[in-house]
Amino acid sequence: MENYGYALILVLTELPTFAVLVVAAVLTHNARDRVPERVRHLLLAGLGALLLSALLTTGWSAGARVSFSGFGPLFFLGGLLRVLLVPVGVGLLVAAALAGRRPGEPRPAGPALTTPPPHAPQPPTEPR
């Protein structure tokens, strides 16, 4: 029974991570009209890699506590996969953030960008 309590504590401590990743994936999926397709795919792939890593971390930690003999290579491969998934996931998120901006794209010009707001201090005028 003690092992089940430990596994429950592991799941509860990872629950905020799972929630953030799932909510981010849902928001990314729902923003299909505002986010370019390439960026959306990179974001979803990065979030999926991080979610898979969090699931592996939880399962790996719970399984290591039980320590079944003969499963050592399986735990090693799970840990190795988990270690590789986090940098891949973060790299995909960074790629998505950078892919959203095109280097040759001019900034939009408008009245808000060219004229100061009405409450801004005005430059001093020379007396006549």
C-alpha atoms as a PDB file:
ATOM      1  CA  MET A   1       0.000   0.000   0.000  1.00  0.00           C
ATOM      2  CA  GLU A   2       2.935   2.295   0.689  1.00  0.00           C
ATOM      3  CA  ASN A   3       4.032   2.098  -2.964  1.00  0.00           C
ATOM      4  CA  TYR A   4       0.600   3.225  -4.164  1.00  0.00           C
ATOM      5  CA  GLY A   5       0.716   6.237  -1.852  1.00  0.00           C
ATOM      6  CA  TYR A   6       4.111   7.165  -3.243  1.00  0.00           C
ATOM      7  CA  ALA A   7       2.838   6.870  -6.815  1.00  0.00           C
ATOM      8  CA  LEU A   8      -0.179   9.036  -5.957  1.00  0.00           C
ATOM      9  CA  ILE A   9       2.092  11.718  -4.491  1.00  0.00           C
ATOM     10  CA  LEU A  10       4.212  11.636  -7.664  1.00  0.00           C
ATOM     11  CA  VAL A  11       1.158  12.082  -9.866  1.00  0.00           C
ATOM     12  CA  LEU A  12      -0.163  14.912  -7.700  1.00  0.00           C
ATOM     13  CA  THR A  13       3.153  16.759  -7.827  1.00  0.00           C
ATOM     14  CA  GLU A  14       3.267  16.477 -11.629  1.00  0.00           C
ATOM     15  CA  LEU A  15      -0.388  17.477 -12.035  1.00  0.00           C
ATOM     16  CA  PRO A  16       0.330  21.232 -12.440  1.00  0.00           C
ATOM     17  CA  THR A  17       2.837  20.421 -15.204  1.00  0.00           C
ATOM     18  CA  PHE A  18       0.314  18.219 -16.974  1.00  0.00           C
ATOM     19  CA  ALA A  19      -2.365  20.907 -16.640  1.00  0.00           C
ATOM     20  CA  VAL A  20      -0.158  23.681 -18.041  1.00  0.00           C
ATOM     21  CA  LEU A  21       0.960  21.581 -21.008  1.00  0.00           C
ATOM     22  CA  VAL A  22      -2.551  20.381 -21.856  1.00  0.00           C
ATOM     23  CA  VAL A  23      -4.054  23.888 -21.540  1.00  0.00           C
ATOM     24  CA  ALA A  24      -1.244  25.312 -23.704  1.00  0.00           C
ATOM     25  CA  ALA A  25      -1.904  22.632 -26.340  1.00  0.00           C
ATOM     26  CA  VAL A  26      -5.635  23.377 -26.347  1.00  0.00           C
ATOM     27  CA  LEU A  27      -5.020  27.132 -26.621  1.00  0.00           C
ATOM     28  CA  THR A  28      -2.533  26.577 -29.440  1.00  0.00           C
ATOM     29  CA  HIS A  29      -4.973  24.341 -31.283  1.00  0.00           C
ATOM     30  CA  ASN A  30      -7.811  26.856 -30.866  1.00  0.00           C
ATOM     31  CA  ALA A  31      -5.661  29.754 -32.156  1.00  0.00           C
ATOM     32  CA  ARG A  32      -5.475  28.290 -35.653  1.00  0.00           C
ATOM     33  CA  ASP A  33      -6.820  31.463 -37.284  1.00  0.00           C
ATOM     34  CA  ARG A  34      -4.261  33.742 -35.562  1.00  0.00           C
ATOM     35  CA  VAL A  35      -1.134  31.568 -35.531  1.00  0.00           C
ATOM     36  CA  PRO A  36       0.589  30.447 -38.737  1.00  0.00           C
ATOM     37  CA  GLU A  37       0.341  26.731 -39.421  1.00  0.00           C
ATOM     38  CA  ARG A  38       4.093  26.104 -39.213  1.00  0.00           C
ATOM     39  CA  VAL A  39       4.326  27.829 -35.841  1.00  0.00           C
ATOM     40  CA  ARG A  40       1.295  25.961 -34.532  1.00  0.00           C
ATOM     41  CA  HIS A  41       2.805  22.605 -35.547  1.00  0.00           C
ATOM     42  CA  LEU A  42       6.112  23.445 -33.854  1.00  0.00           C
ATOM     43  CA  LEU A  43       4.288  24.501 -30.690  1.00  0.00           C
ATOM     44  CA  LEU A  44       2.165  21.361 -30.582  1.00  0.00           C
ATOM     45  CA  ALA A  45       5.190  19.132 -31.212  1.00  0.00           C
ATOM     46  CA  GLY A  46       7.170  20.843 -28.445  1.00  0.00           C
ATOM     47  CA  LEU A  47       4.274  20.616 -26.007  1.00  0.00           C
ATOM     48  CA  GLY A  48       3.763  16.962 -26.917  1.00  0.00           C
ATOM     49  CA  ALA A  49       7.433  16.183 -26.293  1.00  0.00           C
ATOM     50  CA  LEU A  50       7.332  17.916 -22.914  1.00  0.00           C
ATOM     51  CA  LEU A  51       4.094  16.150 -21.969  1.00  0.00           C
ATOM     52  CA  LEU A  52       5.566  12.779 -22.925  1.00  0.00           C
ATOM     53  CA  SER A  53       8.654  13.619 -20.872  1.00  0.00           C
ATOM     54  CA  ALA A  54       6.502  14.495 -17.839  1.00  0.00           C
ATOM     55  CA  LEU A  55       4.588  11.228 -18.216  1.00  0.00           C
ATOM     56  CA  LEU A  56       7.832   9.269 -18.481  1.00  0.00           C
ATOM     57  CA  THR A  57       9.245  11.063 -15.454  1.00  0.00           C
ATOM     58  CA  THR A  58       6.229  10.153 -13.364  1.00  0.00           C
ATOM     59  CA  GLY A  59       6.183   6.547 -14.548  1.00  0.00           C
ATOM     60  CA  TRP A  60       9.931   6.159 -14.269  1.00  0.00           C
ATOM     61  CA  SER A  61       9.995   7.521 -10.714  1.00  0.00           C
ATOM     62  CA  ALA A  62       7.077   5.365  -9.610  1.00  0.00           C
ATOM     63  CA  GLY A  63       8.611   2.282 -11.252  1.00  0.00           C
ATOM     64  CA  ALA A  64      12.033   2.917  -9.739  1.00  0.00           C
ATOM     65  CA  ARG A  65      10.439   2.921  -6.307  1.00  0.00           C
ATOM     66  CA  VAL A  66       9.027  -0.567  -6.895  1.00  0.00           C
ATOM     67  CA  SER A  67      12.373  -1.727  -8.390  1.00  0.00           C
ATOM     68  CA  PHE A  68      11.465  -4.890 -10.244  1.00  0.00           C
ATOM     69  CA  SER A  69      14.524  -6.971 -10.964  1.00  0.00           C
ATOM     70  CA  GLY A  70      15.182  -7.471 -14.658  1.00  0.00           C
ATOM     71  CA  PHE A  71      13.645  -4.128 -15.645  1.00  0.00           C
ATOM     72  CA  GLY A  72      16.908  -2.187 -15.259  1.00  0.00           C
ATOM     73  CA  PRO A  73      17.482  -1.731 -19.013  1.00  0.00           C
ATOM     74  CA  LEU A  74      13.872  -0.577 -19.431  1.00  0.00           C
ATOM     75  CA  PHE A  75      14.337   2.053 -16.722  1.00  0.00           C
ATOM     76  CA  PHE A  76      17.609   3.125 -18.329  1.00  0.00           C
ATOM     77  CA  LEU A  77      15.969   3.569 -21.746  1.00  0.00           C
ATOM     78  CA  GLY A  78      13.053   5.436 -20.198  1.00  0.00           C
ATOM     79  CA  GLY A  79      15.415   7.773 -18.398  1.00  0.00           C
ATOM     80  CA  LEU A  80      17.483   8.320 -21.517  1.00  0.00           C
ATOM     81  CA  LEU A  81      14.377   9.074 -23.568  1.00  0.00           C
ATOM     82  CA  ARG A  82      13.176  11.484 -20.899  1.00  0.00           C
ATOM     83  CA  VAL A  83      16.523  13.291 -20.851  1.00  0.00           C
ATOM     84  CA  LEU A  84      16.378  13.706 -24.631  1.00  0.00           C
ATOM     85  CA  LEU A  85      12.734  14.801 -24.783  1.00  0.00           C
ATOM     86  CA  VAL A  86      13.095  17.895 -22.599  1.00  0.00           C
ATOM     87  CA  PRO A  87      15.710  19.645 -24.781  1.00  0.00           C
ATOM     88  CA  VAL A  88      13.811  18.632 -27.924  1.00  0.00           C
ATOM     89  CA  GLY A  89      10.556  20.021 -26.508  1.00  0.00           C
ATOM     90  CA  VAL A  90      12.114  23.282 -25.384  1.00  0.00           C
ATOM     91  CA  GLY A  91      13.961  23.606 -28.695  1.00  0.00           C
ATOM     92  CA  LEU A  92      10.702  23.194 -30.600  1.00  0.00           C
ATOM     93  CA  LEU A  93       9.044  25.870 -28.463  1.00  0.00           C
ATOM     94  CA  VAL A  94      11.937  28.251 -29.121  1.00  0.00           C
ATOM     95  CA  ALA A  95      11.770  27.455 -32.841  1.00  0.00           C
ATOM     96  CA  ALA A  96       8.052  28.208 -32.808  1.00  0.00           C
ATOM     97  CA  ALA A  97       8.654  31.534 -31.085  1.00  0.00           C
ATOM     98  CA  LEU A  98      11.299  32.515 -33.622  1.00  0.00           C
ATOM     99  CA  ALA A  99       9.401  31.206 -36.639  1.00  0.00           C
ATOM    100  CA  GLY A 100       6.502  33.557 -35.947  1.00  0.00           C
ATOM    101  CA  ARG A 101       8.543  36.589 -37.040  1.00  0.00           C
ATOM    102  CA  ARG A 102       9.806  36.990 -40.557  1.00  0.00           C
ATOM    103  CA  PRO A 103      13.074  38.972 -40.734  1.00  0.00           C
ATOM    104  CA  GLY A 104      12.193  41.019 -43.810  1.00  0.00           C
ATOM    105  CA  GLU A 105       8.712  41.897 -42.634  1.00  0.00           C
ATOM    106  CA  PRO A 106       8.283  45.654 -42.052  1.00  0.00           C
ATOM    107  CA  ARG A 107       6.706  46.832 -38.847  1.00  0.00           C
ATOM    108  CA  PRO A 108       3.194  48.179 -39.254  1.00  0.00           C
ATOM    109  CA  ALA A 109       3.053  51.970 -39.280  1.00  0.00           C
ATOM    110  CA  GLY A 110       0.093  53.860 -38.011  1.00  0.00           C
ATOM    111  CA  PRO A 111      -0.860  56.897 -36.028  1.00  0.00           C
ATOM    112  CA  ALA A 112      -0.022  55.176 -32.747  1.00  0.00           C
ATOM    113  CA  LEU A 113       3.546  54.532 -33.906  1.00  0.00           C
ATOM    114  CA  THR A 114       4.281  57.900 -35.543  1.00  0.00           C
ATOM    115  CA  THR A 115       2.655  60.524 -33.317  1.00  0.00           C
ATOM    116  CA  PRO A 116       3.042  60.899 -29.563  1.00  0.00           C
ATOM    117  CA  PRO A 117      -0.029  60.348 -27.427  1.00  0.00           C
ATOM    118  CA  PRO A 118      -1.949  63.481 -26.415  1.00  0.00           C
ATOM    119  CA  HIS A 119      -0.764  63.299 -22.793  1.00  0.00           C
ATOM    120  CA  ALA A 120       2.930  63.062 -23.731  1.00  0.00           C
ATOM    121  CA  PRO A 121       5.075  66.084 -22.900  1.00  0.00           C
ATOM    122  CA  GLN A 122       5.470  68.346 -25.895  1.00  0.00           C
ATOM    123  CA  PRO A 123       8.898  69.662 -26.916  1.00  0.00           C
ATOM    124  CA  PRO A 124       9.535  73.229 -25.808  1.00  0.00           C
ATOM    125  CA  THR A 125       8.799  75.882 -28.372  1.00  0.00           C
ATOM    126  CA  GLU A 126      11.095  78.806 -29.024  1.00  0.00           C
ATOM    127  CA  PRO A 127       9.714  82.246 -28.093  1.00  0.00           C
ATOM    128  CA  ARG A 128       9.059  84.617 -30.958  1.00  0.00           C
END
